[in-house]
Amino acid sequence: MIYACLIILNLVLYFKNDLISKIFCIYDKPDNLRKFQKIPIPVSGGLFLFINLFLIFIYLLFSNQLSSLMFINTDELLLNSFFILAFWLVGVLDDKYELKAVNKIILMISVISIYVFFSEFSYVRYLYFENGLSINLYYIYFYFTIFCIFTLTLTLNMYDGIDGQSLILYIFLSIYLYVFHQIEFCSYLILPLVFILILNLQQKIYLGDNGVMLFSSVLSILLIKYNFLNPASIFVEEIFLILIIPALDLIRLFFYRIYRKKSPISADTNHIHHLINKFITKKKYISFSVVFYLVLLFGIFIEVKFAYLIFFIFLFYSFIILKCSKYI
């Protein structure tokens, strides 16, 4: 029933995209520095995803799915709703008013802190590794959980910079968590993400910061609650692996900007997608991204150790960066 409703909703959103985008009225405008599109593009991808989440939450509420990670109990559902809405609004404000980095960070950490403080199930107490090692975080778990959510959001935010790239990653993450960890909520996300991807590749909408913030809040809730309720079911290496390319790019840019005596959170055109796009077309890059995630899924499916996959992808990433070094 929910899948049929999602199909109908997204068909309506798809064909009424122009009207909805005009009502939302927030656009990403070209500046010929980092934004090279020819015309202003509405950043309504986050709004489309938000509308879908609203329908999904209504479904969870009335079907009383207490087994869902989003609906452990009514209090948690309300708290999750607050976190997702607040995070999305921070993204909307950033898209509309281009918040200063410091103000945005303060808002993000404030929202995350409130959420983690009041939640009974959304914190990381232990870290589990593939080799059986586990680390008890003791009294720093509260701050570590805030750090994890903030870092995940920053990682996804920095990765968003070329049509389709982020959405392909989000679809991959949703498929992965549904297939390999049976997180049913992720199956509800795939359809709307595919519809938004189609519009994005047609350059009719962008995700915008609001879309990235929205998805990162949902992903944070799912990963942390799953880790809390299913101890040792998801490993540190596994989380790093499924986010490996944006994570490696975040780490590289952090130290590179410090080396160049710039702010580590400043914007530039040295992201991997900017560099690769200098010598291959956007279409080829997107095709390559799809193949990459399919190969990664296959490697996980045949149970190659996460550490081995991380090592080989790290070597591959290093090779790409060395090849692109003349553009940095």
C-alpha atoms as a PDB file:
ATOM      1  CA  MET A   1       0.000   0.000   0.000  1.00  0.00           C
ATOM      2  CA  ILE A   2       2.718   2.496   0.983  1.00  0.00           C
ATOM      3  CA  TYR A   3       4.691   1.809  -2.216  1.00  0.00           C
ATOM      4  CA  ALA A   4       1.624   2.475  -4.385  1.00  0.00           C
ATOM      5  CA  CYS A   5       1.013   5.735  -2.520  1.00  0.00           C
ATOM      6  CA  LEU A   6       4.645   6.741  -2.999  1.00  0.00           C
ATOM      7  CA  ILE A   7       4.453   6.052  -6.739  1.00  0.00           C
ATOM      8  CA  ILE A   8       1.312   8.194  -7.094  1.00  0.00           C
ATOM      9  CA  LEU A   9       2.760  10.995  -4.941  1.00  0.00           C
ATOM     10  CA  ASN A  10       6.024  11.119  -6.877  1.00  0.00           C
ATOM     11  CA  LEU A  11       4.281  11.071 -10.244  1.00  0.00           C
ATOM     12  CA  VAL A  12       2.308  14.123  -9.096  1.00  0.00           C
ATOM     13  CA  LEU A  13       5.491  15.807  -7.846  1.00  0.00           C
ATOM     14  CA  TYR A  14       7.276  14.963 -11.085  1.00  0.00           C
ATOM     15  CA  PHE A  15       4.655  16.445 -13.399  1.00  0.00           C
ATOM     16  CA  LYS A  16       3.930  19.422 -11.084  1.00  0.00           C
ATOM     17  CA  ASN A  17       7.604  20.101 -10.479  1.00  0.00           C
ATOM     18  CA  ASP A  18       7.570  23.609 -11.992  1.00  0.00           C
ATOM     19  CA  LEU A  19       4.590  24.741  -9.920  1.00  0.00           C
ATOM     20  CA  ILE A  20       5.996  23.334  -6.650  1.00  0.00           C
ATOM     21  CA  SER A  21       9.421  24.842  -7.325  1.00  0.00           C
ATOM     22  CA  LYS A  22       7.867  28.263  -7.957  1.00  0.00           C
ATOM     23  CA  ILE A  23       5.987  28.059  -4.662  1.00  0.00           C
ATOM     24  CA  PHE A  24       9.183  27.015  -2.823  1.00  0.00           C
ATOM     25  CA  CYS A  25      10.979  29.860  -4.653  1.00  0.00           C
ATOM     26  CA  ILE A  26      14.599  29.144  -3.691  1.00  0.00           C
ATOM     27  CA  TYR A  27      17.059  28.943  -6.565  1.00  0.00           C
ATOM     28  CA  ASP A  28      20.709  28.081  -7.064  1.00  0.00           C
ATOM     29  CA  LYS A  29      22.084  30.855  -9.264  1.00  0.00           C
ATOM     30  CA  PRO A  30      25.149  30.568 -11.525  1.00  0.00           C
ATOM     31  CA  ASP A  31      28.228  32.524 -10.424  1.00  0.00           C
ATOM     32  CA  ASN A  32      30.857  31.152 -12.870  1.00  0.00           C
ATOM     33  CA  LEU A  33      33.077  30.329  -9.903  1.00  0.00           C
ATOM     34  CA  ARG A  34      31.616  27.121  -8.485  1.00  0.00           C
ATOM     35  CA  LYS A  35      28.168  27.134 -10.083  1.00  0.00           C
ATOM     36  CA  PHE A  36      28.328  26.826 -13.851  1.00  0.00           C
ATOM     37  CA  GLN A  37      24.731  26.068 -14.838  1.00  0.00           C
ATOM     38  CA  LYS A  38      23.297  28.409 -17.461  1.00  0.00           C
ATOM     39  CA  ILE A  39      20.137  29.413 -15.574  1.00  0.00           C
ATOM     40  CA  PRO A  40      18.956  29.477 -11.936  1.00  0.00           C
ATOM     41  CA  ILE A  41      17.841  25.989 -10.843  1.00  0.00           C
ATOM     42  CA  PRO A  42      15.301  25.461  -8.034  1.00  0.00           C
ATOM     43  CA  VAL A  43      16.747  23.680  -4.989  1.00  0.00           C
ATOM     44  CA  SER A  44      13.477  21.888  -4.277  1.00  0.00           C
ATOM     45  CA  GLY A  45      14.888  18.338  -4.138  1.00  0.00           C
ATOM     46  CA  GLY A  46      14.855  18.501  -0.357  1.00  0.00           C
ATOM     47  CA  LEU A  47      11.233  19.676  -0.372  1.00  0.00           C
ATOM     48  CA  PHE A  48      10.246  16.715  -2.574  1.00  0.00           C
ATOM     49  CA  LEU A  49      11.984  14.317  -0.177  1.00  0.00           C
ATOM     50  CA  PHE A  50      10.385  16.053   2.818  1.00  0.00           C
ATOM     51  CA  ILE A  51       6.895  15.595   1.353  1.00  0.00           C
ATOM     52  CA  ASN A  52       7.655  11.901   0.848  1.00  0.00           C
ATOM     53  CA  LEU A  53       8.909  11.575   4.430  1.00  0.00           C
ATOM     54  CA  PHE A  54       5.712  13.199   5.683  1.00  0.00           C
ATOM     55  CA  LEU A  55       3.658  10.528   3.887  1.00  0.00           C
ATOM     56  CA  ILE A  56       5.921   7.752   5.210  1.00  0.00           C
ATOM     57  CA  PHE A  57       5.633   9.043   8.791  1.00  0.00           C
ATOM     58  CA  ILE A  58       1.842   9.213   8.516  1.00  0.00           C
ATOM     59  CA  TYR A  59       1.881   5.616   7.298  1.00  0.00           C
ATOM     60  CA  LEU A  60       4.087   4.519  10.221  1.00  0.00           C
ATOM     61  CA  LEU A  61       1.879   6.332  12.710  1.00  0.00           C
ATOM     62  CA  PHE A  62      -1.419   4.866  11.548  1.00  0.00           C
ATOM     63  CA  SER A  63      -0.091   1.377  10.807  1.00  0.00           C
ATOM     64  CA  ASN A  64       1.501   1.384  14.287  1.00  0.00           C
ATOM     65  CA  GLN A  65       4.799  -0.085  13.075  1.00  0.00           C
ATOM     66  CA  LEU A  66       6.548  -0.298  16.419  1.00  0.00           C
ATOM     67  CA  SER A  67       9.316  -2.370  14.821  1.00  0.00           C
ATOM     68  CA  SER A  68      10.405   0.556  12.682  1.00  0.00           C
ATOM     69  CA  LEU A  69      13.578   2.389  13.709  1.00  0.00           C
ATOM     70  CA  MET A  70      11.675   5.644  13.164  1.00  0.00           C
ATOM     71  CA  PHE A  71       8.792   4.543  15.369  1.00  0.00           C
ATOM     72  CA  ILE A  72      10.180   2.717  18.388  1.00  0.00           C
ATOM     73  CA  ASN A  73       7.559   4.588  20.395  1.00  0.00           C
ATOM     74  CA  THR A  74       5.511   7.759  20.015  1.00  0.00           C
ATOM     75  CA  ASP A  75       8.044   9.914  21.878  1.00  0.00           C
ATOM     76  CA  GLU A  76      10.850   8.773  19.598  1.00  0.00           C
ATOM     77  CA  LEU A  77       8.728   9.407  16.501  1.00  0.00           C
ATOM     78  CA  LEU A  78       8.066  12.973  17.664  1.00  0.00           C
ATOM     79  CA  LEU A  79      11.736  13.504  18.520  1.00  0.00           C
ATOM     80  CA  ASN A  80      12.836  12.089  15.158  1.00  0.00           C
ATOM     81  CA  SER A  81      10.329  14.379  13.446  1.00  0.00           C
ATOM     82  CA  PHE A  82      11.727  17.383  15.323  1.00  0.00           C
ATOM     83  CA  PHE A  83      15.292  16.514  14.367  1.00  0.00           C
ATOM     84  CA  ILE A  84      14.508  15.953  10.688  1.00  0.00           C
ATOM     85  CA  LEU A  85      12.376  19.105  10.440  1.00  0.00           C
ATOM     86  CA  ALA A  86      14.909  21.281  12.288  1.00  0.00           C
ATOM     87  CA  PHE A  87      17.831  19.991  10.220  1.00  0.00           C
ATOM     88  CA  TRP A  88      15.884  20.514   6.995  1.00  0.00           C
ATOM     89  CA  LEU A  89      15.023  24.088   8.002  1.00  0.00           C
ATOM     90  CA  VAL A  90      18.691  24.837   8.673  1.00  0.00           C
ATOM     91  CA  GLY A  91      19.371  23.691   5.113  1.00  0.00           C
ATOM     92  CA  VAL A  92      16.490  25.810   3.770  1.00  0.00           C
ATOM     93  CA  LEU A  93      17.868  28.885   5.567  1.00  0.00           C
ATOM     94  CA  ASP A  94      21.327  28.185   4.153  1.00  0.00           C
ATOM     95  CA  ASP A  95      19.976  27.825   0.612  1.00  0.00           C
ATOM     96  CA  LYS A  96      17.951  31.025   0.883  1.00  0.00           C
ATOM     97  CA  TYR A  97      20.292  33.305   2.863  1.00  0.00           C
ATOM     98  CA  GLU A  98      23.724  31.607   2.442  1.00  0.00           C
ATOM     99  CA  LEU A  99      24.455  31.405   6.163  1.00  0.00           C
ATOM    100  CA  LYS A 100      27.966  32.064   7.378  1.00  0.00           C
ATOM    101  CA  ALA A 101      29.807  28.807   8.045  1.00  0.00           C
ATOM    102  CA  VAL A 102      30.154  29.543  11.781  1.00  0.00           C
ATOM    103  CA  ASN A 103      26.430  30.296  12.193  1.00  0.00           C
ATOM    104  CA  LYS A 104      25.479  27.173  10.281  1.00  0.00           C
ATOM    105  CA  ILE A 105      27.771  24.998  12.398  1.00  0.00           C
ATOM    106  CA  ILE A 106      26.350  26.461  15.623  1.00  0.00           C
ATOM    107  CA  LEU A 107      22.795  25.741  14.442  1.00  0.00           C
ATOM    108  CA  MET A 108      23.691  22.202  13.385  1.00  0.00           C
ATOM    109  CA  ILE A 109      25.457  21.304  16.636  1.00  0.00           C
ATOM    110  CA  SER A 110      22.629  22.841  18.694  1.00  0.00           C
ATOM    111  CA  VAL A 111      19.972  20.769  16.916  1.00  0.00           C
ATOM    112  CA  ILE A 112      22.065  17.584  17.118  1.00  0.00           C
ATOM    113  CA  SER A 113      22.785  18.130  20.826  1.00  0.00           C
ATOM    114  CA  ILE A 114      19.102  18.578  21.678  1.00  0.00           C
ATOM    115  CA  TYR A 115      18.194  15.462  19.728  1.00  0.00           C
ATOM    116  CA  VAL A 116      20.863  13.223  21.274  1.00  0.00           C
ATOM    117  CA  PHE A 117      20.198  14.565  24.798  1.00  0.00           C
ATOM    118  CA  PHE A 118      16.489  13.718  24.752  1.00  0.00           C
ATOM    119  CA  SER A 119      16.609  10.452  22.775  1.00  0.00           C
ATOM    120  CA  GLU A 120      16.701   7.133  24.612  1.00  0.00           C
ATOM    121  CA  PHE A 121      18.036   5.190  21.641  1.00  0.00           C
ATOM    122  CA  SER A 122      20.138   7.610  19.561  1.00  0.00           C
ATOM    123  CA  TYR A 123      23.661   7.464  20.859  1.00  0.00           C
ATOM    124  CA  VAL A 124      26.777   5.424  20.213  1.00  0.00           C
ATOM    125  CA  ARG A 125      28.076   3.655  23.339  1.00  0.00           C
ATOM    126  CA  TYR A 126      30.310   1.041  21.704  1.00  0.00           C
ATOM    127  CA  LEU A 127      32.384   0.784  18.537  1.00  0.00           C
ATOM    128  CA  TYR A 128      32.508  -2.665  16.966  1.00  0.00           C
ATOM    129  CA  PHE A 129      35.177  -3.776  14.501  1.00  0.00           C
ATOM    130  CA  GLU A 130      35.221  -6.590  11.967  1.00  0.00           C
ATOM    131  CA  ASN A 131      38.004  -8.460  13.830  1.00  0.00           C
ATOM    132  CA  GLY A 132      35.893  -8.712  17.001  1.00  0.00           C
ATOM    133  CA  LEU A 133      37.419  -5.738  18.804  1.00  0.00           C
ATOM    134  CA  SER A 134      34.988  -3.465  20.636  1.00  0.00           C
ATOM    135  CA  ILE A 135      35.590  -0.112  22.343  1.00  0.00           C
ATOM    136  CA  ASN A 136      33.470   1.223  25.193  1.00  0.00           C
ATOM    137  CA  LEU A 137      33.142   5.002  24.871  1.00  0.00           C
ATOM    138  CA  TYR A 138      32.144   5.422  28.546  1.00  0.00           C
ATOM    139  CA  TYR A 139      31.431   9.063  29.403  1.00  0.00           C
ATOM    140  CA  ILE A 140      32.326  10.553  26.034  1.00  0.00           C
ATOM    141  CA  TYR A 141      29.538   8.748  24.165  1.00  0.00           C
ATOM    142  CA  PHE A 142      27.301  11.860  24.137  1.00  0.00           C
ATOM    143  CA  TYR A 143      29.958  14.035  22.494  1.00  0.00           C
ATOM    144  CA  PHE A 144      31.082  11.248  20.195  1.00  0.00           C
ATOM    145  CA  THR A 145      27.507  10.784  18.906  1.00  0.00           C
ATOM    146  CA  ILE A 146      27.243  14.507  18.186  1.00  0.00           C
ATOM    147  CA  PHE A 147      30.598  14.319  16.381  1.00  0.00           C
ATOM    148  CA  CYS A 148      29.419  11.356  14.267  1.00  0.00           C
ATOM    149  CA  ILE A 149      26.210  13.072  13.111  1.00  0.00           C
ATOM    150  CA  PHE A 150      28.010  16.342  12.421  1.00  0.00           C
ATOM    151  CA  THR A 151      30.801  14.615  10.468  1.00  0.00           C
ATOM    152  CA  LEU A 152      28.340  12.538   8.444  1.00  0.00           C
ATOM    153  CA  THR A 153      26.409  15.686   7.515  1.00  0.00           C
ATOM    154  CA  LEU A 154      29.585  17.553   6.577  1.00  0.00           C
ATOM    155  CA  THR A 155      30.768  14.584   4.493  1.00  0.00           C
ATOM    156  CA  LEU A 156      27.532  14.390   2.506  1.00  0.00           C
ATOM    157  CA  ASN A 157      27.397  18.167   2.149  1.00  0.00           C
ATOM    158  CA  MET A 158      30.878  18.404   0.642  1.00  0.00           C
ATOM    159  CA  TYR A 159      30.128  15.552  -1.756  1.00  0.00           C
ATOM    160  CA  ASP A 160      27.157  17.351  -3.318  1.00  0.00           C
ATOM    161  CA  GLY A 161      28.432  19.225  -6.342  1.00  0.00           C
ATOM    162  CA  ILE A 162      27.511  17.601  -9.636  1.00  0.00           C
ATOM    163  CA  ASP A 163      24.156  16.446 -11.027  1.00  0.00           C
ATOM    164  CA  GLY A 164      23.211  12.968  -9.841  1.00  0.00           C
ATOM    165  CA  GLN A 165      26.308  12.253  -7.760  1.00  0.00           C
ATOM    166  CA  SER A 166      24.785  12.610  -4.280  1.00  0.00           C
ATOM    167  CA  LEU A 167      21.486  11.000  -5.248  1.00  0.00           C
ATOM    168  CA  ILE A 168      23.227   7.933  -6.692  1.00  0.00           C
ATOM    169  CA  LEU A 169      25.094   7.613  -3.380  1.00  0.00           C
ATOM    170  CA  TYR A 170      21.826   7.976  -1.410  1.00  0.00           C
ATOM    171  CA  ILE A 171      20.128   5.302  -3.514  1.00  0.00           C
ATOM    172  CA  PHE A 172      23.111   3.000  -3.008  1.00  0.00           C
ATOM    173  CA  LEU A 173      23.037   3.567   0.775  1.00  0.00           C
ATOM    174  CA  SER A 174      19.280   2.917   0.912  1.00  0.00           C
ATOM    175  CA  ILE A 175      19.594  -0.297  -1.106  1.00  0.00           C
ATOM    176  CA  TYR A 176      22.557  -1.443   0.948  1.00  0.00           C
ATOM    177  CA  LEU A 177      20.921  -0.890   4.357  1.00  0.00           C
ATOM    178  CA  TYR A 178      17.679  -2.512   3.189  1.00  0.00           C
ATOM    179  CA  VAL A 179      19.257  -5.566   1.528  1.00  0.00           C
ATOM    180  CA  PHE A 180      22.108  -6.288   3.944  1.00  0.00           C
ATOM    181  CA  HIS A 181      20.600  -5.065   7.215  1.00  0.00           C
ATOM    182  CA  GLN A 182      16.847  -5.346   6.557  1.00  0.00           C
ATOM    183  CA  ILE A 183      16.164  -1.732   7.546  1.00  0.00           C
ATOM    184  CA  GLU A 184      12.734  -1.512   5.968  1.00  0.00           C
ATOM    185  CA  PHE A 185      12.499   2.267   6.219  1.00  0.00           C
ATOM    186  CA  CYS A 186      15.252   2.500   3.587  1.00  0.00           C
ATOM    187  CA  SER A 187      13.049   0.684   1.074  1.00  0.00           C
ATOM    188  CA  TYR A 188      10.561   3.564   1.314  1.00  0.00           C
ATOM    189  CA  LEU A 189      13.276   6.048   0.363  1.00  0.00           C
ATOM    190  CA  ILE A 190      14.376   4.421  -2.899  1.00  0.00           C
ATOM    191  CA  LEU A 191      11.362   5.433  -5.020  1.00  0.00           C
ATOM    192  CA  PRO A 192      11.397   9.165  -4.172  1.00  0.00           C
ATOM    193  CA  LEU A 193      15.191   9.276  -4.560  1.00  0.00           C
ATOM    194  CA  VAL A 194      14.907   7.770  -8.056  1.00  0.00           C
ATOM    195  CA  PHE A 195      12.283  10.341  -9.090  1.00  0.00           C
ATOM    196  CA  ILE A 196      14.389  13.197  -7.700  1.00  0.00           C
ATOM    197  CA  LEU A 197      17.443  11.767  -9.496  1.00  0.00           C
ATOM    198  CA  ILE A 198      15.584  11.837 -12.843  1.00  0.00           C
ATOM    199  CA  LEU A 199      14.619  15.491 -12.309  1.00  0.00           C
ATOM    200  CA  ASN A 200      18.139  16.321 -11.166  1.00  0.00           C
ATOM    201  CA  LEU A 201      19.783  14.747 -14.218  1.00  0.00           C
ATOM    202  CA  GLN A 202      17.386  16.771 -16.371  1.00  0.00           C
ATOM    203  CA  GLN A 203      18.597  19.877 -14.481  1.00  0.00           C
ATOM    204  CA  LYS A 204      15.058  20.673 -13.376  1.00  0.00           C
ATOM    205  CA  ILE A 205      15.870  20.629  -9.652  1.00  0.00           C
ATOM    206  CA  TYR A 206      18.865  20.460  -7.326  1.00  0.00           C
ATOM    207  CA  LEU A 207      18.973  18.777  -3.941  1.00  0.00           C
ATOM    208  CA  GLY A 208      20.286  21.938  -2.368  1.00  0.00           C
ATOM    209  CA  ASP A 209      21.724  22.109   1.109  1.00  0.00           C
ATOM    210  CA  ASN A 210      18.223  21.427   2.442  1.00  0.00           C
ATOM    211  CA  GLY A 211      18.101  18.084   0.623  1.00  0.00           C
ATOM    212  CA  VAL A 212      21.525  17.032   1.883  1.00  0.00           C
ATOM    213  CA  MET A 213      20.686  18.048   5.457  1.00  0.00           C
ATOM    214  CA  LEU A 214      17.385  16.195   5.272  1.00  0.00           C
ATOM    215  CA  PHE A 215      18.892  12.937   4.046  1.00  0.00           C
ATOM    216  CA  SER A 216      21.819  13.135   6.484  1.00  0.00           C
ATOM    217  CA  SER A 217      19.398  13.515   9.413  1.00  0.00           C
ATOM    218  CA  VAL A 218      17.425  10.443   8.306  1.00  0.00           C
ATOM    219  CA  LEU A 219      20.584   8.409   7.697  1.00  0.00           C
ATOM    220  CA  SER A 220      22.018   9.424  11.083  1.00  0.00           C
ATOM    221  CA  ILE A 221      18.869   8.298  12.897  1.00  0.00           C
ATOM    222  CA  LEU A 222      18.788   4.955  11.087  1.00  0.00           C
ATOM    223  CA  LEU A 223      22.480   4.126  11.567  1.00  0.00           C
ATOM    224  CA  ILE A 224      22.703   5.162  15.215  1.00  0.00           C
ATOM    225  CA  LYS A 225      19.433   3.550  16.303  1.00  0.00           C
ATOM    226  CA  TYR A 226      20.297   0.381  14.400  1.00  0.00           C
ATOM    227  CA  ASN A 227      23.693   0.284  16.104  1.00  0.00           C
ATOM    228  CA  PHE A 228      22.067   0.849  19.514  1.00  0.00           C
ATOM    229  CA  LEU A 229      19.345  -1.800  19.122  1.00  0.00           C
ATOM    230  CA  ASN A 230      21.495  -4.361  17.279  1.00  0.00           C
ATOM    231  CA  PRO A 231      24.912  -4.321  18.945  1.00  0.00           C
ATOM    232  CA  ALA A 232      27.805  -5.586  16.803  1.00  0.00           C
ATOM    233  CA  SER A 233      25.534  -5.839  13.730  1.00  0.00           C
ATOM    234  CA  ILE A 234      27.281  -3.024  11.879  1.00  0.00           C
ATOM    235  CA  PHE A 235      31.034  -2.420  12.028  1.00  0.00           C
ATOM    236  CA  VAL A 236      33.096   0.757  11.995  1.00  0.00           C
ATOM    237  CA  GLU A 237      34.858  -0.417   8.815  1.00  0.00           C
ATOM    238  CA  GLU A 238      31.488  -1.103   7.208  1.00  0.00           C
ATOM    239  CA  ILE A 239      30.188   2.418   7.796  1.00  0.00           C
ATOM    240  CA  PHE A 240      33.427   3.896   6.484  1.00  0.00           C
ATOM    241  CA  LEU A 241      33.287   1.621   3.444  1.00  0.00           C
ATOM    242  CA  ILE A 242      29.785   2.607   2.315  1.00  0.00           C
ATOM    243  CA  LEU A 243      30.777   6.278   2.612  1.00  0.00           C
ATOM    244  CA  ILE A 244      34.369   5.823   1.518  1.00  0.00           C
ATOM    245  CA  ILE A 245      34.643   8.196  -1.456  1.00  0.00           C
ATOM    246  CA  PRO A 246      33.024  11.254   0.202  1.00  0.00           C
ATOM    247  CA  ALA A 247      34.878  10.390   3.447  1.00  0.00           C
ATOM    248  CA  LEU A 248      38.277  10.234   1.719  1.00  0.00           C
ATOM    249  CA  ASP A 249      37.526  13.466  -0.114  1.00  0.00           C
ATOM    250  CA  LEU A 250      36.554  15.170   3.156  1.00  0.00           C
ATOM    251  CA  ILE A 251      39.795  14.068   4.850  1.00  0.00           C
ATOM    252  CA  ARG A 252      41.942  15.074   1.863  1.00  0.00           C
ATOM    253  CA  LEU A 253      40.357  18.508   1.511  1.00  0.00           C
ATOM    254  CA  PHE A 254      40.517  19.153   5.261  1.00  0.00           C
ATOM    255  CA  PHE A 255      44.300  18.754   5.364  1.00  0.00           C
ATOM    256  CA  TYR A 256      44.890  20.273   1.931  1.00  0.00           C
ATOM    257  CA  ARG A 257      43.093  23.498   2.887  1.00  0.00           C
ATOM    258  CA  ILE A 258      45.006  23.732   6.161  1.00  0.00           C
ATOM    259  CA  TYR A 259      48.240  23.203   4.198  1.00  0.00           C
ATOM    260  CA  ARG A 260      47.224  26.055   1.882  1.00  0.00           C
ATOM    261  CA  LYS A 261      46.437  28.176   4.987  1.00  0.00           C
ATOM    262  CA  LYS A 262      42.726  28.264   4.224  1.00  0.00           C
ATOM    263  CA  SER A 263      39.737  27.463   6.389  1.00  0.00           C
ATOM    264  CA  PRO A 264      39.067  23.681   6.299  1.00  0.00           C
ATOM    265  CA  ILE A 265      35.361  24.443   5.756  1.00  0.00           C
ATOM    266  CA  SER A 266      35.873  26.965   2.950  1.00  0.00           C
ATOM    267  CA  ALA A 267      34.375  26.250  -0.475  1.00  0.00           C
ATOM    268  CA  ASP A 268      36.551  25.512  -3.493  1.00  0.00           C
ATOM    269  CA  THR A 269      36.634  23.530  -6.739  1.00  0.00           C
ATOM    270  CA  ASN A 270      39.115  20.863  -5.635  1.00  0.00           C
ATOM    271  CA  HIS A 271      36.543  18.171  -4.828  1.00  0.00           C
ATOM    272  CA  ILE A 272      36.985  14.893  -6.671  1.00  0.00           C
ATOM    273  CA  HIS A 273      33.968  15.552  -8.905  1.00  0.00           C
ATOM    274  CA  HIS A 274      35.353  18.958  -9.901  1.00  0.00           C
ATOM    275  CA  LEU A 275      38.725  17.443 -10.771  1.00  0.00           C
ATOM    276  CA  ILE A 276      37.432  14.437 -12.708  1.00  0.00           C
ATOM    277  CA  ASN A 277      34.960  16.613 -14.590  1.00  0.00           C
ATOM    278  CA  LYS A 278      37.918  18.469 -16.121  1.00  0.00           C
ATOM    279  CA  PHE A 279      38.861  15.511 -18.319  1.00  0.00           C
ATOM    280  CA  ILE A 280      35.733  13.364 -18.671  1.00  0.00           C
ATOM    281  CA  THR A 281      32.136  14.350 -19.379  1.00  0.00           C
ATOM    282  CA  LYS A 282      29.510  14.551 -16.673  1.00  0.00           C
ATOM    283  CA  LYS A 283      27.582  11.692 -18.308  1.00  0.00           C
ATOM    284  CA  LYS A 284      30.617   9.402 -18.205  1.00  0.00           C
ATOM    285  CA  TYR A 285      31.306  10.348 -14.594  1.00  0.00           C
ATOM    286  CA  ILE A 286      27.753   9.496 -13.535  1.00  0.00           C
ATOM    287  CA  SER A 287      27.930   6.182 -15.432  1.00  0.00           C
ATOM    288  CA  PHE A 288      31.227   5.444 -13.716  1.00  0.00           C
ATOM    289  CA  SER A 289      29.674   6.222 -10.298  1.00  0.00           C
ATOM    290  CA  VAL A 290      26.845   3.738 -10.918  1.00  0.00           C
ATOM    291  CA  VAL A 291      29.338   1.025 -11.942  1.00  0.00           C
ATOM    292  CA  PHE A 292      31.507   1.785  -8.909  1.00  0.00           C
ATOM    293  CA  TYR A 293      28.634   1.279  -6.448  1.00  0.00           C
ATOM    294  CA  LEU A 294      27.458  -1.868  -8.238  1.00  0.00           C
ATOM    295  CA  VAL A 295      30.973  -3.324  -7.950  1.00  0.00           C
ATOM    296  CA  LEU A 296      31.081  -2.313  -4.286  1.00  0.00           C
ATOM    297  CA  LEU A 297      27.727  -4.018  -3.650  1.00  0.00           C
ATOM    298  CA  PHE A 298      29.012  -7.142  -5.380  1.00  0.00           C
ATOM    299  CA  GLY A 299      32.185  -7.144  -3.277  1.00  0.00           C
ATOM    300  CA  ILE A 300      30.123  -6.904  -0.092  1.00  0.00           C
ATOM    301  CA  PHE A 301      27.728  -9.586  -1.368  1.00  0.00           C
ATOM    302  CA  ILE A 302      30.517 -12.137  -1.912  1.00  0.00           C
ATOM    303  CA  GLU A 303      31.753 -11.261   1.598  1.00  0.00           C
ATOM    304  CA  VAL A 304      35.119  -9.741   0.811  1.00  0.00           C
ATOM    305  CA  LYS A 305      36.456  -8.363   4.098  1.00  0.00           C
ATOM    306  CA  PHE A 306      35.623  -4.702   4.608  1.00  0.00           C
ATOM    307  CA  ALA A 307      39.253  -3.875   5.376  1.00  0.00           C
ATOM    308  CA  TYR A 308      40.374  -5.319   2.008  1.00  0.00           C
ATOM    309  CA  LEU A 309      37.726  -3.377   0.111  1.00  0.00           C
ATOM    310  CA  ILE A 310      38.706  -0.170   1.916  1.00  0.00           C
ATOM    311  CA  PHE A 311      42.377  -0.746   1.060  1.00  0.00           C
ATOM    312  CA  PHE A 312      41.748  -1.336  -2.650  1.00  0.00           C
ATOM    313  CA  ILE A 313      39.366   1.642  -2.947  1.00  0.00           C
ATOM    314  CA  PHE A 314      41.880   3.832  -1.097  1.00  0.00           C
ATOM    315  CA  LEU A 315      44.531   2.868  -3.667  1.00  0.00           C
ATOM    316  CA  PHE A 316      42.105   3.566  -6.505  1.00  0.00           C
ATOM    317  CA  TYR A 317      41.144   6.947  -5.012  1.00  0.00           C
ATOM    318  CA  SER A 318      44.828   7.850  -4.565  1.00  0.00           C
ATOM    319  CA  PHE A 319      45.495   6.971  -8.205  1.00  0.00           C
ATOM    320  CA  ILE A 320      42.638   9.234  -9.357  1.00  0.00           C
ATOM    321  CA  ILE A 321      43.880  12.135  -7.222  1.00  0.00           C
ATOM    322  CA  LEU A 322      47.438  11.734  -8.507  1.00  0.00           C
ATOM    323  CA  LYS A 323      46.101  11.730 -12.064  1.00  0.00           C
ATOM    324  CA  CYS A 324      44.167  14.919 -11.306  1.00  0.00           C
ATOM    325  CA  SER A 325      46.988  16.585  -9.356  1.00  0.00           C
ATOM    326  CA  LYS A 326      47.826  19.006 -12.186  1.00  0.00           C
ATOM    327  CA  TYR A 327      44.341  20.538 -11.822  1.00  0.00           C
ATOM    328  CA  ILE A 328      44.672  21.199  -8.081  1.00  0.00           C
END
